[in-house]
Protein backbone atom coordinates (compact mmCIF):
# COMPACT_ATOMS: atom_id res chain seq x y z
CA MET A 1 27.61 76.34 10.89
CA SER A 2 31.48 77.24 10.32
CA TYR A 3 34.69 76.63 12.02
CA LYS A 4 38.20 78.16 12.05
CA THR A 5 41.37 76.67 11.87
CA PHE A 6 44.34 77.48 14.22
CA LYS A 7 48.09 77.06 13.45
CA LEU A 8 50.13 78.37 16.56
CA ASN A 9 51.99 76.26 18.97
CA LYS A 10 50.55 77.48 21.83
CA ASP A 11 46.98 76.45 21.08
CA PHE A 12 48.19 72.70 20.15
CA ARG A 13 50.00 72.80 23.67
CA ARG A 14 46.91 73.82 25.50
CA LEU A 15 44.46 71.28 23.85
CA TYR A 16 47.40 68.64 24.59
CA GLY A 17 47.57 69.51 28.22
CA ARG A 18 44.00 70.45 28.99
CA GLY A 19 41.91 68.48 26.60
CA LYS A 20 39.86 65.21 26.72
CA SER A 21 41.13 62.68 24.17
CA GLN A 22 39.61 59.91 22.14
CA VAL A 23 41.83 57.40 20.62
CA SER A 24 41.14 55.39 17.47
CA PRO A 25 43.28 53.41 15.01
CA TYR A 26 43.14 56.37 12.48
CA LEU A 27 43.36 59.47 14.62
CA VAL A 28 43.29 60.97 18.27
CA THR A 29 40.90 63.55 18.65
CA TYR A 30 41.58 66.18 21.83
CA SER A 31 38.65 68.41 22.67
CA VAL A 32 38.34 71.36 25.08
CA LYS A 33 35.71 73.84 25.74
CA ASN A 34 36.68 77.49 24.55
CA ARG A 35 35.05 80.80 25.36
CA ASN A 36 34.35 82.40 22.30
CA GLY A 37 31.61 79.70 21.50
CA GLY A 38 32.76 78.72 18.12
CA ILE A 39 34.37 75.67 16.73
CA ASN A 40 38.09 75.88 16.04
CA ILE A 41 40.15 72.79 14.96
CA GLY A 42 43.52 71.97 14.10
CA ILE A 43 45.18 69.11 12.47
CA THR A 44 48.55 67.22 13.04
CA THR A 45 50.16 64.90 10.54
CA GLY A 46 53.54 63.70 11.59
CA LYS A 47 56.38 62.53 9.38
CA LYS A 48 55.75 58.90 10.25
CA LEU A 49 52.63 59.18 7.73
CA GLY A 50 55.31 59.54 5.06
CA ASN A 51 56.00 62.24 2.44
CA ALA A 52 53.90 65.29 1.91
CA VAL A 53 51.46 63.66 -0.56
CA ASN A 54 50.33 61.26 2.49
CA ARG A 55 50.25 63.73 5.00
CA ASN A 56 48.22 66.38 2.81
CA ARG A 57 45.80 63.26 1.93
CA ALA A 58 45.23 62.78 5.69
CA ARG A 59 44.42 66.14 6.23
CA ARG A 60 41.95 66.41 3.67
CA LEU A 61 40.51 63.03 4.99
CA ILE A 62 40.11 64.54 8.39
CA VAL A 63 38.57 67.98 7.19
CA ALA A 64 36.20 65.71 5.12
CA ALA A 65 35.04 63.78 7.91
CA PHE A 66 34.84 66.79 10.24
CA ARG A 67 32.47 68.74 7.72
CA GLU A 68 30.27 65.69 7.45
CA ASN A 69 29.76 65.65 11.09
CA LEU A 70 29.86 69.40 11.67
CA ALA A 71 26.10 69.86 11.76
CA HIS A 72 25.78 67.53 15.08
CA VAL A 73 28.77 69.17 16.80
CA LYS A 74 28.05 71.39 19.85
CA SER A 75 29.38 74.91 19.38
CA GLY A 76 31.81 76.38 21.87
CA TYR A 77 34.93 73.51 21.46
CA ASP A 78 38.25 73.56 20.15
CA PHE A 79 39.61 70.11 18.58
CA VAL A 80 42.87 68.94 17.80
CA PHE A 81 43.05 66.00 15.37
CA VAL A 82 46.47 63.77 15.29
CA ALA A 83 46.50 61.55 12.38
CA ARG A 84 47.71 58.14 12.82
CA SER A 85 49.51 56.07 10.14
CA ARG A 86 46.38 53.63 9.52
CA ILE A 87 44.37 56.61 8.27
CA LEU A 88 45.90 56.45 4.88
CA SER A 89 44.21 53.11 3.90
CA VAL A 90 40.64 54.16 4.60
CA LYS A 91 37.96 56.62 2.91
CA SER A 92 36.78 59.55 4.49
CA THR A 93 33.34 58.02 5.38
CA VAL A 94 35.42 55.62 8.09
CA VAL A 95 36.88 58.67 9.44
CA ALA A 96 33.48 60.23 9.65
CA GLU A 97 31.97 57.13 11.55
CA VAL A 98 35.07 57.34 13.98
CA LEU A 99 34.51 60.98 14.52
CA LYS A 100 31.34 60.57 15.63
CA LYS A 101 31.83 57.86 17.81
CA GLN A 102 34.46 59.91 19.51
CA PHE A 103 32.09 63.13 19.68
CA LYS A 104 29.64 60.77 21.31
CA GLU A 105 32.26 59.64 24.05
CA ALA A 106 33.06 63.12 24.70
CA GLY A 107 29.51 64.35 24.98
CA ILE A 108 30.02 66.65 22.33
CA TRP A 109 27.23 65.07 19.82
CA ASN A 110 24.20 66.93 19.49
CA ASP A 111 21.16 64.58 18.32
CA ASN A 112 18.74 67.53 17.99
CA ASN A 113 20.06 68.60 14.36
CA GLU A 114 18.64 65.44 12.48
CA GLU A 115 19.58 65.45 8.75
CA THR A 116 16.58 65.07 6.29
CA SER A 117 17.05 62.25 4.01
CA ASP A 118 15.79 62.41 0.30
């Protein structure tokens, strides 16, 4: 399964206005059903996180955590992830667990795709 990213302000505003939000100390997730059936994501990292190095690290953490959960996410949704300052103090596995919990709260988690363990 794959996803696309969006960067237009109107896409972010649409999700802020219409999307359901789940909050954690590390990030806020906005989700809304889309019409095209694919998965689209956008990531917001504000200047409160610090310099460009910190903001890019936060983006990389969120993308890594999202990719870890991608196989279980129902298709047909748009997501915006807003990084919070505490995200810089944790690893991507912690963020992945938080995302999993947020997806389950939103009803977007799909348990049918069980991962095989070696």
